[in-house]
Amino acid sequence: MAAFDINRLDDAIHGRMRLGIMAYLADAEAADFNELKDLLDATQGNLSVHLRKLEDAGYIEIVKSFQGRKPLTRAQITPAGRKAFADYLEALSKLVEKR
């Protein structure tokens, strides 16, 4: 286990909520705020904080629009986010291989 490099685990992704967001978006490409909130059993405030961290890292893009008169917030994974998530999964798989 000494050969495992803990620095390869991306802190922006590693939290449970952010990992859930990235895993979902890696498959779905995009999701609206309420969809993610329900899926992750998150509060609005908690989800907002985690989405902002991923957005600040450049891993997701937040797109705000209106559906009729109702605001709609959607998150979509970016190419950098897709690569970061793949790298994160690779780092975890290397950890599992060591066991």
PDB file of N, CA and C in Angstrom:
ATOM      1  N   MET A   1       0.818  -1.190   0.000  1.00  0.00           N
ATOM      2  CA  MET A   1       0.000   0.000   0.000  1.00  0.00           C
ATOM      3  C   MET A   1       0.863   1.256   0.000  1.00  0.00           C
ATOM      4  N   ALA A   2       2.115   1.164   0.257  1.00  0.00           N
ATOM      5  CA  ALA A   2       2.992   2.324   0.322  1.00  0.00           C
ATOM      6  C   ALA A   2       3.100   3.037  -1.022  1.00  0.00           C
ATOM      7  N   ALA A   3       2.844   2.363  -2.132  1.00  0.00           N
ATOM      8  CA  ALA A   3       2.978   2.985  -3.449  1.00  0.00           C
ATOM      9  C   ALA A   3       1.754   3.831  -3.818  1.00  0.00           C
ATOM     10  N   PHE A   4       0.689   3.768  -3.053  1.00  0.00           N
ATOM     11  CA  PHE A   4      -0.505   4.549  -3.362  1.00  0.00           C
ATOM     12  C   PHE A   4      -0.255   6.025  -3.076  1.00  0.00           C
ATOM     13  N   ASP A   5      -0.577   6.874  -4.045  1.00  0.00           N
ATOM     14  CA  ASP A   5      -0.385   8.315  -3.907  1.00  0.00           C
ATOM     15  C   ASP A   5      -1.715   8.968  -3.541  1.00  0.00           C
ATOM     16  N   ILE A   6      -1.865   9.316  -2.287  1.00  0.00           N
ATOM     17  CA  ILE A   6      -3.113   9.914  -1.787  1.00  0.00           C
ATOM     18  C   ILE A   6      -3.421  11.240  -2.478  1.00  0.00           C
ATOM     19  N   ASN A   7      -2.404  11.895  -2.998  1.00  0.00           N
ATOM     20  CA  ASN A   7      -2.597  13.183  -3.674  1.00  0.00           C
ATOM     21  C   ASN A   7      -3.327  13.046  -5.007  1.00  0.00           C
ATOM     22  N   ARG A   8      -3.469  11.829  -5.503  1.00  0.00           N
ATOM     23  CA  ARG A   8      -4.212  11.622  -6.751  1.00  0.00           C
ATOM     24  C   ARG A   8      -5.725  11.669  -6.535  1.00  0.00           C
ATOM     25  N   LEU A   9      -6.167  11.638  -5.269  1.00  0.00           N
ATOM     26  CA  LEU A   9      -7.595  11.765  -4.983  1.00  0.00           C
ATOM     27  C   LEU A   9      -7.944  13.248  -4.973  1.00  0.00           C
ATOM     28  N   ASP A  10      -8.766  13.662  -5.901  1.00  0.00           N
ATOM     29  CA  ASP A  10      -9.143  15.058  -6.088  1.00  0.00           C
ATOM     30  C   ASP A  10     -10.077  15.497  -4.962  1.00  0.00           C
ATOM     31  N   ASP A  11      -9.631  16.462  -4.167  1.00  0.00           N
ATOM     32  CA  ASP A  11     -10.436  16.952  -3.047  1.00  0.00           C
ATOM     33  C   ASP A  11     -11.757  17.565  -3.490  1.00  0.00           C
ATOM     34  N   ALA A  12     -11.788  18.128  -4.689  1.00  0.00           N
ATOM     35  CA  ALA A  12     -13.031  18.735  -5.180  1.00  0.00           C
ATOM     36  C   ALA A  12     -14.101  17.677  -5.434  1.00  0.00           C
ATOM     37  N   ILE A  13     -13.702  16.461  -5.702  1.00  0.00           N
ATOM     38  CA  ILE A  13     -14.644  15.377  -5.999  1.00  0.00           C
ATOM     39  C   ILE A  13     -14.874  14.472  -4.786  1.00  0.00           C
ATOM     40  N   HIS A  14     -13.898  14.349  -3.917  1.00  0.00           N
ATOM     41  CA  HIS A  14     -13.860  13.285  -2.921  1.00  0.00           C
ATOM     42  C   HIS A  14     -14.987  13.288  -1.885  1.00  0.00           C
ATOM     43  N   GLY A  15     -15.615  14.398  -1.625  1.00  0.00           N
ATOM     44  CA  GLY A  15     -16.720  14.407  -0.664  1.00  0.00           C
ATOM     45  C   GLY A  15     -17.910  13.602  -1.169  1.00  0.00           C
ATOM     46  N   ARG A  16     -18.677  13.017  -0.271  1.00  0.00           N
ATOM     47  CA  ARG A  16     -19.805  12.155  -0.636  1.00  0.00           C
ATOM     48  C   ARG A  16     -20.786  12.848  -1.573  1.00  0.00           C
ATOM     49  N   MET A  17     -21.170  14.061  -1.256  1.00  0.00           N
ATOM     50  CA  MET A  17     -22.159  14.773  -2.067  1.00  0.00           C
ATOM     51  C   MET A  17     -21.578  15.113  -3.443  1.00  0.00           C
ATOM     52  N   ARG A  18     -20.349  15.605  -3.481  1.00  0.00           N
ATOM     53  CA  ARG A  18     -19.743  15.970  -4.768  1.00  0.00           C
ATOM     54  C   ARG A  18     -19.470  14.732  -5.611  1.00  0.00           C
ATOM     55  N   LEU A  19     -19.086  13.638  -4.983  1.00  0.00           N
ATOM     56  CA  LEU A  19     -18.894  12.388  -5.712  1.00  0.00           C
ATOM     57  C   LEU A  19     -20.220  11.928  -6.323  1.00  0.00           C
ATOM     58  N   GLY A  20     -21.300  12.059  -5.572  1.00  0.00           N
ATOM     59  CA  GLY A  20     -22.617  11.702  -6.085  1.00  0.00           C
ATOM     60  C   GLY A  20     -23.025  12.562  -7.271  1.00  0.00           C
ATOM     61  N   ILE A  21     -22.758  13.847  -7.182  1.00  0.00           N
ATOM     62  CA  ILE A  21     -23.074  14.762  -8.284  1.00  0.00           C
ATOM     63  C   ILE A  21     -22.292  14.369  -9.531  1.00  0.00           C
ATOM     64  N   MET A  22     -20.995  14.171  -9.365  1.00  0.00           N
ATOM     65  CA  MET A  22     -20.139  13.843 -10.510  1.00  0.00           C
ATOM     66  C   MET A  22     -20.516  12.494 -11.117  1.00  0.00           C
ATOM     67  N   ALA A  23     -20.796  11.508 -10.285  1.00  0.00           N
ATOM     68  CA  ALA A  23     -21.163  10.183 -10.790  1.00  0.00           C
ATOM     69  C   ALA A  23     -22.456  10.270 -11.604  1.00  0.00           C
ATOM     70  N   TYR A  24     -23.419  11.038 -11.106  1.00  0.00           N
ATOM     71  CA  TYR A  24     -24.680  11.162 -11.819  1.00  0.00           C
ATOM     72  C   TYR A  24     -24.506  11.917 -13.131  1.00  0.00           C
ATOM     73  N   LEU A  25     -23.782  13.029 -13.077  1.00  0.00           N
ATOM     74  CA  LEU A  25     -23.599  13.834 -14.286  1.00  0.00           C
ATOM     75  C   LEU A  25     -22.716  13.151 -15.320  1.00  0.00           C
ATOM     76  N   ALA A  26     -21.801  12.303 -14.888  1.00  0.00           N
ATOM     77  CA  ALA A  26     -20.953  11.573 -15.839  1.00  0.00           C
ATOM     78  C   ALA A  26     -21.811  10.687 -16.733  1.00  0.00           C
ATOM     79  N   ASP A  27     -22.923  10.213 -16.205  1.00  0.00           N
ATOM     80  CA  ASP A  27     -23.829   9.365 -16.984  1.00  0.00           C
ATOM     81  C   ASP A  27     -24.922  10.180 -17.674  1.00  0.00           C
ATOM     82  N   ALA A  28     -25.514  11.122 -16.939  1.00  0.00           N
ATOM     83  CA  ALA A  28     -26.671  11.866 -17.443  1.00  0.00           C
ATOM     84  C   ALA A  28     -26.293  13.105 -18.257  1.00  0.00           C
ATOM     85  N   GLU A  29     -25.049  13.553 -18.174  1.00  0.00           N
ATOM     86  CA  GLU A  29     -24.568  14.772 -18.843  1.00  0.00           C
ATOM     87  C   GLU A  29     -25.055  16.044 -18.156  1.00  0.00           C
ATOM     88  N   ALA A  30     -26.356  16.115 -17.828  1.00  0.00           N
ATOM     89  CA  ALA A  30     -26.918  17.301 -17.195  1.00  0.00           C
ATOM     90  C   ALA A  30     -28.099  16.887 -16.321  1.00  0.00           C
ATOM     91  N   ALA A  31     -28.380  17.723 -15.313  1.00  0.00           N
ATOM     92  CA  ALA A  31     -29.520  17.462 -14.435  1.00  0.00           C
ATOM     93  C   ALA A  31     -29.978  18.784 -13.837  1.00  0.00           C
ATOM     94  N   ASP A  32     -31.277  18.883 -13.583  1.00  0.00           N
ATOM     95  CA  ASP A  32     -31.732  20.119 -12.949  1.00  0.00           C
ATOM     96  C   ASP A  32     -31.544  20.024 -11.438  1.00  0.00           C
ATOM     97  N   PHE A  33     -31.587  21.177 -10.802  1.00  0.00           N
ATOM     98  CA  PHE A  33     -31.292  21.300  -9.377  1.00  0.00           C
ATOM     99  C   PHE A  33     -32.175  20.374  -8.540  1.00  0.00           C
ATOM    100  N   ASN A  34     -33.483  20.393  -8.786  1.00  0.00           N
ATOM    101  CA  ASN A  34     -34.398  19.575  -7.986  1.00  0.00           C
ATOM    102  C   ASN A  34     -34.166  18.084  -8.194  1.00  0.00           C
ATOM    103  N   GLU A  35     -33.801  17.707  -9.395  1.00  0.00           N
ATOM    104  CA  GLU A  35     -33.477  16.304  -9.681  1.00  0.00           C
ATOM    105  C   GLU A  35     -32.299  15.851  -8.818  1.00  0.00           C
ATOM    106  N   LEU A  36     -31.241  16.671  -8.776  1.00  0.00           N
ATOM    107  CA  LEU A  36     -30.071  16.337  -7.952  1.00  0.00           C
ATOM    108  C   LEU A  36     -30.412  16.365  -6.464  1.00  0.00           C
ATOM    109  N   LYS A  37     -31.201  17.350  -6.068  1.00  0.00           N
ATOM    110  CA  LYS A  37     -31.592  17.472  -4.656  1.00  0.00           C
ATOM    111  C   LYS A  37     -32.323  16.222  -4.186  1.00  0.00           C
ATOM    112  N   ASP A  38     -33.260  15.748  -4.987  1.00  0.00           N
ATOM    113  CA  ASP A  38     -34.016  14.546  -4.631  1.00  0.00           C
ATOM    114  C   ASP A  38     -33.133  13.301  -4.676  1.00  0.00           C
ATOM    115  N   LEU A  39     -32.341  13.177  -5.717  1.00  0.00           N
ATOM    116  CA  LEU A  39     -31.480  12.016  -5.890  1.00  0.00           C
ATOM    117  C   LEU A  39     -30.500  11.855  -4.728  1.00  0.00           C
ATOM    118  N   LEU A  40     -29.928  12.973  -4.291  1.00  0.00           N
ATOM    119  CA  LEU A  40     -28.889  12.936  -3.262  1.00  0.00           C
ATOM    120  C   LEU A  40     -29.422  13.165  -1.853  1.00  0.00           C
ATOM    121  N   ASP A  41     -30.747  13.357  -1.752  1.00  0.00           N
ATOM    122  CA  ASP A  41     -31.381  13.617  -0.458  1.00  0.00           C
ATOM    123  C   ASP A  41     -30.673  14.777   0.248  1.00  0.00           C
ATOM    124  N   ALA A  42     -30.526  15.875  -0.479  1.00  0.00           N
ATOM    125  CA  ALA A  42     -29.792  17.038   0.012  1.00  0.00           C
ATOM    126  C   ALA A  42     -30.741  18.202   0.275  1.00  0.00           C
ATOM    127  N   THR A  43     -30.321  19.099   1.130  1.00  0.00           N
ATOM    128  CA  THR A  43     -31.050  20.343   1.296  1.00  0.00           C
ATOM    129  C   THR A  43     -30.626  21.295   0.186  1.00  0.00           C
ATOM    130  N   GLN A  44     -31.417  22.324  -0.053  1.00  0.00           N
ATOM    131  CA  GLN A  44     -31.077  23.291  -1.089  1.00  0.00           C
ATOM    132  C   GLN A  44     -29.730  23.951  -0.808  1.00  0.00           C
ATOM    133  N   GLY A  45     -29.541  24.378   0.443  1.00  0.00           N
ATOM    134  CA  GLY A  45     -28.301  25.057   0.804  1.00  0.00           C
ATOM    135  C   GLY A  45     -27.087  24.165   0.654  1.00  0.00           C
ATOM    136  N   ASN A  46     -27.198  22.927   1.116  1.00  0.00           N
ATOM    137  CA  ASN A  46     -26.075  21.993   1.040  1.00  0.00           C
ATOM    138  C   ASN A  46     -25.721  21.689  -0.408  1.00  0.00           C
ATOM    139  N   LEU A  47     -26.729  21.429  -1.225  1.00  0.00           N
ATOM    140  CA  LEU A  47     -26.478  21.132  -2.633  1.00  0.00           C
ATOM    141  C   LEU A  47     -25.851  22.336  -3.339  1.00  0.00           C
ATOM    142  N   SER A  48     -26.344  23.533  -3.032  1.00  0.00           N
ATOM    143  CA  SER A  48     -25.803  24.750  -3.640  1.00  0.00           C
ATOM    144  C   SER A  48     -24.316  24.906  -3.351  1.00  0.00           C
ATOM    145  N   VAL A  49     -23.915  24.647  -2.120  1.00  0.00           N
ATOM    146  CA  VAL A  49     -22.506  24.763  -1.732  1.00  0.00           C
ATOM    147  C   VAL A  49     -21.648  23.782  -2.526  1.00  0.00           C
ATOM    148  N   HIS A  50     -22.099  22.547  -2.642  1.00  0.00           N
ATOM    149  CA  HIS A  50     -21.316  21.529  -3.344  1.00  0.00           C
ATOM    150  C   HIS A  50     -21.270  21.785  -4.856  1.00  0.00           C
ATOM    151  N   LEU A  51     -22.374  22.245  -5.418  1.00  0.00           N
ATOM    152  CA  LEU A  51     -22.370  22.598  -6.839  1.00  0.00           C
ATOM    153  C   LEU A  51     -21.395  23.744  -7.092  1.00  0.00           C
ATOM    154  N   ARG A  52     -21.355  24.712  -6.187  1.00  0.00           N
ATOM    155  CA  ARG A  52     -20.442  25.851  -6.345  1.00  0.00           C
ATOM    156  C   ARG A  52     -18.986  25.394  -6.303  1.00  0.00           C
ATOM    157  N   LYS A  53     -18.662  24.454  -5.424  1.00  0.00           N
ATOM    158  CA  LYS A  53     -17.285  23.953  -5.349  1.00  0.00           C
ATOM    159  C   LYS A  53     -16.882  23.255  -6.647  1.00  0.00           C
ATOM    160  N   LEU A  54     -17.783  22.476  -7.198  1.00  0.00           N
ATOM    161  CA  LEU A  54     -17.493  21.799  -8.464  1.00  0.00           C
ATOM    162  C   LEU A  54     -17.426  22.795  -9.620  1.00  0.00           C
ATOM    163  N   GLU A  55     -18.263  23.814  -9.567  1.00  0.00           N
ATOM    164  CA  GLU A  55     -18.227  24.846 -10.599  1.00  0.00           C
ATOM    165  C   GLU A  55     -16.914  25.638 -10.506  1.00  0.00           C
ATOM    166  N   ASP A  56     -16.507  25.986  -9.292  1.00  0.00           N
ATOM    167  CA  ASP A  56     -15.256  26.726  -9.096  1.00  0.00           C
ATOM    168  C   ASP A  56     -14.048  25.925  -9.581  1.00  0.00           C
ATOM    169  N   ALA A  57     -14.132  24.606  -9.475  1.00  0.00           N
ATOM    170  CA  ALA A  57     -13.053  23.732  -9.950  1.00  0.00           C
ATOM    171  C   ALA A  57     -13.081  23.584 -11.474  1.00  0.00           C
ATOM    172  N   GLY A  58     -14.166  24.031 -12.110  1.00  0.00           N
ATOM    173  CA  GLY A  58     -14.300  23.912 -13.560  1.00  0.00           C
ATOM    174  C   GLY A  58     -14.843  22.560 -14.003  1.00  0.00           C
ATOM    175  N   TYR A  59     -15.397  21.787 -13.060  1.00  0.00           N
ATOM    176  CA  TYR A  59     -15.860  20.437 -13.365  1.00  0.00           C
ATOM    177  C   TYR A  59     -17.310  20.387 -13.838  1.00  0.00           C
ATOM    178  N   ILE A  60     -18.088  21.384 -13.446  1.00  0.00           N
ATOM    179  CA  ILE A  60     -19.469  21.478 -13.917  1.00  0.00           C
ATOM    180  C   ILE A  60     -19.737  22.913 -14.338  1.00  0.00           C
ATOM    181  N   GLU A  61     -20.782  23.066 -15.123  1.00  0.00           N
ATOM    182  CA  GLU A  61     -21.256  24.385 -15.515  1.00  0.00           C
ATOM    183  C   GLU A  61     -22.690  24.498 -15.038  1.00  0.00           C
ATOM    184  N   ILE A  62     -23.023  25.629 -14.443  1.00  0.00           N
ATOM    185  CA  ILE A  62     -24.385  25.896 -13.997  1.00  0.00           C
ATOM    186  C   ILE A  62     -25.045  26.803 -15.028  1.00  0.00           C
ATOM    187  N   VAL A  63     -26.194  26.375 -15.515  1.00  0.00           N
ATOM    188  CA  VAL A  63     -26.936  27.143 -16.519  1.00  0.00           C
ATOM    189  C   VAL A  63     -28.288  27.499 -15.910  1.00  0.00           C
ATOM    190  N   LYS A  64     -28.554  28.789 -15.827  1.00  0.00           N
ATOM    191  CA  LYS A  64     -29.826  29.257 -15.268  1.00  0.00           C
ATOM    192  C   LYS A  64     -30.702  29.776 -16.401  1.00  0.00           C
ATOM    193  N   SER A  65     -31.963  29.370 -16.367  1.00  0.00           N
ATOM    194  CA  SER A  65     -32.912  29.799 -17.384  1.00  0.00           C
ATOM    195  C   SER A  65     -34.301  29.833 -16.747  1.00  0.00           C
ATOM    196  N   PHE A  66     -35.293  29.986 -17.577  1.00  0.00           N
ATOM    197  CA  PHE A  66     -36.679  29.950 -17.105  1.00  0.00           C
ATOM    198  C   PHE A  66     -37.444  28.929 -17.914  1.00  0.00           C
ATOM    199  N   GLN A  67     -38.331  28.234 -17.234  1.00  0.00           N
ATOM    200  CA  GLN A  67     -39.269  27.336 -17.887  1.00  0.00           C
ATOM    201  C   GLN A  67     -40.636  27.963 -17.641  1.00  0.00           C
ATOM    202  N   GLY A  68     -41.112  28.675 -18.652  1.00  0.00           N
ATOM    203  CA  GLY A  68     -42.277  29.523 -18.426  1.00  0.00           C
ATOM    204  C   GLY A  68     -41.836  30.681 -17.534  1.00  0.00           C
ATOM    205  N   ARG A  69     -42.474  30.820 -16.392  1.00  0.00           N
ATOM    206  CA  ARG A  69     -42.082  31.867 -15.439  1.00  0.00           C
ATOM    207  C   ARG A  69     -41.278  31.308 -14.274  1.00  0.00           C
ATOM    208  N   LYS A  70     -41.032  30.024 -14.310  1.00  0.00           N
ATOM    209  CA  LYS A  70     -40.344  29.366 -13.204  1.00  0.00           C
ATOM    210  C   LYS A  70     -38.842  29.263 -13.498  1.00  0.00           C
ATOM    211  N   PRO A  71     -37.992  29.685 -12.538  1.00  0.00           N
ATOM    212  CA  PRO A  71     -36.548  29.561 -12.747  1.00  0.00           C
ATOM    213  C   PRO A  71     -36.125  28.088 -12.815  1.00  0.00           C
ATOM    214  N   LEU A  72     -35.163  27.824 -13.671  1.00  0.00           N
ATOM    215  CA  LEU A  72     -34.647  26.470 -13.839  1.00  0.00           C
ATOM    216  C   LEU A  72     -33.121  26.532 -13.776  1.00  0.00           C
ATOM    217  N   THR A  73     -32.557  25.794 -12.846  1.00  0.00           N
ATOM    218  CA  THR A  73     -31.106  25.718 -12.704  1.00  0.00           C
ATOM    219  C   THR A  73     -30.672  24.318 -13.082  1.00  0.00           C
ATOM    220  N   ARG A  74     -29.752  24.233 -14.045  1.00  0.00           N
ATOM    221  CA  ARG A  74     -29.246  22.938 -14.504  1.00  0.00           C
ATOM    222  C   ARG A  74     -27.740  22.892 -14.328  1.00  0.00           C
ATOM    223  N   ALA A  75     -27.261  21.729 -13.975  1.00  0.00           N
ATOM    224  CA  ALA A  75     -25.815  21.485 -13.872  1.00  0.00           C
ATOM    225  C   ALA A  75     -25.439  20.523 -14.978  1.00  0.00           C
ATOM    226  N   GLN A  76     -24.322  20.805 -15.632  1.00  0.00           N
ATOM    227  CA  GLN A  76     -23.828  19.869 -16.650  1.00  0.00           C
ATOM    228  C   GLN A  76     -22.333  19.701 -16.475  1.00  0.00           C
ATOM    229  N   ILE A  77     -21.875  18.504 -16.743  1.00  0.00           N
ATOM    230  CA  ILE A  77     -20.461  18.192 -16.591  1.00  0.00           C
ATOM    231  C   ILE A  77     -19.681  18.821 -17.749  1.00  0.00           C
ATOM    232  N   THR A  78     -18.494  19.307 -17.446  1.00  0.00           N
ATOM    233  CA  THR A  78     -17.628  19.895 -18.473  1.00  0.00           C
ATOM    234  C   THR A  78     -16.619  18.848 -18.937  1.00  0.00           C
ATOM    235  N   PRO A  79     -15.943  19.091 -20.049  1.00  0.00           N
ATOM    236  CA  PRO A  79     -14.879  18.167 -20.459  1.00  0.00           C
ATOM    237  C   PRO A  79     -13.804  18.009 -19.380  1.00  0.00           C
ATOM    238  N   ALA A  80     -13.459  19.107 -18.708  1.00  0.00           N
ATOM    239  CA  ALA A  80     -12.474  19.015 -17.612  1.00  0.00           C
ATOM    240  C   ALA A  80     -13.021  18.174 -16.462  1.00  0.00           C
ATOM    241  N   GLY A  81     -14.318  18.292 -16.202  1.00  0.00           N
ATOM    242  CA  GLY A  81     -14.947  17.497 -15.151  1.00  0.00           C
ATOM    243  C   GLY A  81     -14.973  16.022 -15.496  1.00  0.00           C
ATOM    244  N   ARG A  82     -15.240  15.730 -16.743  1.00  0.00           N
ATOM    245  CA  ARG A  82     -15.255  14.333 -17.194  1.00  0.00           C
ATOM    246  C   ARG A  82     -13.874  13.713 -17.024  1.00  0.00           C
ATOM    247  N   LYS A  83     -12.815  14.468 -17.393  1.00  0.00           N
ATOM    248  CA  LYS A  83     -11.451  13.971 -17.250  1.00  0.00           C
ATOM    249  C   LYS A  83     -11.080  13.816 -15.777  1.00  0.00           C
ATOM    250  N   ALA A  84     -11.426  14.808 -14.963  1.00  0.00           N
ATOM    251  CA  ALA A  84     -11.112  14.743 -13.526  1.00  0.00           C
ATOM    252  C   ALA A  84     -11.805  13.552 -12.877  1.00  0.00           C
ATOM    253  N   PHE A  85     -13.049  13.286 -13.266  1.00  0.00           N
ATOM    254  CA  PHE A  85     -13.777  12.149 -12.699  1.00  0.00           C
ATOM    255  C   PHE A  85     -13.141  10.824 -13.131  1.00  0.00           C
ATOM    256  N   ALA A  86     -12.744  10.732 -14.385  1.00  0.00           N
ATOM    257  CA  ALA A  86     -12.064   9.519 -14.867  1.00  0.00           C
ATOM    258  C   ALA A  86     -10.744   9.315 -14.118  1.00  0.00           C
ATOM    259  N   ASP A  87      -9.991  10.387 -13.917  1.00  0.00           N
ATOM    260  CA  ASP A  87      -8.731  10.300 -13.166  1.00  0.00           C
ATOM    261  C   ASP A  87      -8.979   9.869 -11.725  1.00  0.00           C
ATOM    262  N   TYR A  88     -10.047  10.402 -11.126  1.00  0.00           N
ATOM    263  CA  TYR A  88     -10.409  10.046  -9.756  1.00  0.00           C
ATOM    264  C   TYR A  88     -10.734   8.553  -9.656  1.00  0.00           C
ATOM    265  N   LEU A  89     -11.534   8.071 -10.602  1.00  0.00           N
ATOM    266  CA  LEU A  89     -11.889   6.644 -10.604  1.00  0.00           C
ATOM    267  C   LEU A  89     -10.661   5.766 -10.827  1.00  0.00           C
ATOM    268  N   GLU A  90      -9.758   6.223 -11.661  1.00  0.00           N
ATOM    269  CA  GLU A  90      -8.527   5.471 -11.883  1.00  0.00           C
ATOM    270  C   GLU A  90      -7.690   5.398 -10.604  1.00  0.00           C
ATOM    271  N   ALA A  91      -7.596   6.500  -9.882  1.00  0.00           N
ATOM    272  CA  ALA A  91      -6.845   6.518  -8.623  1.00  0.00           C
ATOM    273  C   ALA A  91      -7.468   5.549  -7.612  1.00  0.00           C
ATOM    274  N   LEU A  92      -8.800   5.537  -7.540  1.00  0.00           N
ATOM    275  CA  LEU A  92      -9.469   4.606  -6.624  1.00  0.00           C
ATOM    276  C   LEU A  92      -9.249   3.160  -7.034  1.00  0.00           C
ATOM    277  N   SER A  93      -9.279   2.898  -8.341  1.00  0.00           N
ATOM    278  CA  SER A  93      -9.081   1.524  -8.793  1.00  0.00           C
ATOM    279  C   SER A  93      -7.647   1.047  -8.466  1.00  0.00           C
ATOM    280  N   LYS A  94      -6.687   1.944  -8.538  1.00  0.00           N
ATOM    281  CA  LYS A  94      -5.320   1.576  -8.168  1.00  0.00           C
ATOM    282  C   LYS A  94      -5.228   1.243  -6.685  1.00  0.00           C
ATOM    283  N   LEU A  95      -5.993   1.967  -5.876  1.00  0.00           N
ATOM    284  CA  LEU A  95      -6.032   1.668  -4.437  1.00  0.00           C
ATOM    285  C   LEU A  95      -6.630   0.285  -4.197  1.00  0.00           C
ATOM    286  N   VAL A  96      -7.702  -0.027  -4.898  1.00  0.00           N
ATOM    287  CA  VAL A  96      -8.355  -1.328  -4.742  1.00  0.00           C
ATOM    288  C   VAL A  96      -7.435  -2.461  -5.229  1.00  0.00           C
ATOM    289  N   GLU A  97      -6.711  -2.238  -6.314  1.00  0.00           N
ATOM    290  CA  GLU A  97      -5.797  -3.243  -6.841  1.00  0.00           C
ATOM    291  C   GLU A  97      -4.718  -3.615  -5.838  1.00  0.00           C
ATOM    292  N   LYS A  98      -4.324  -2.668  -5.003  1.00  0.00           N
ATOM    293  CA  LYS A  98      -3.261  -2.884  -4.009  1.00  0.00           C
ATOM    294  C   LYS A  98      -3.712  -3.816  -2.890  1.00  0.00           C
ATOM    295  N   ARG A  99      -4.983  -3.974  -2.715  1.00  0.00           N
ATOM    296  CA  ARG A  99      -5.511  -4.770  -1.596  1.00  0.00           C
ATOM    297  C   ARG A  99      -5.417  -6.196  -1.927  1.00  0.00           C
TER     298      ARG A  99
END
